Amino acid sequence: MTPSQRLDATFAALADPTRRAILARLATGEASVAELAEPFAMSQPAISKHLKVLERAGLISRGQDAQRRPRRIEGEPMAQAVAWLEDYRAIWETNYQRLDDLLAELQATKN
């Protein structure tokens, strides 16, 4: 998977509120599919589909603990998405600073 494809998969996975809620739950620790399905009014197969999307994006992984296969959050794809967004935040911050400077200059010439 190329970095661009990984970013696409990450943002596609994050676009769904159920998947974001699952990630928020996994941020507190590993959980089984049943534990992850508990707060949602949807079937376990529906939760499993969401988990597959998160796994394909690399946002979660599946462990093995005897009979359990707990899911855990993986940080690297999220860190790559944050880095990508940070580049644009820096550009916008520079643009806003230039606008502030221009407005201050116009205000000074007006007075």
Foldseek 3Di string as FASTA:
>chain_A
DDLVVLLVLVVVLVVDPLSVVLLVVLVVHWDALCVSCVVDPDDSVVSVVSVVSCVVSVQWAWPDDPPTTIIHGDCPSVVSNVVVVVVVVVVVVVVVVVVVVVVVVVVVVVD
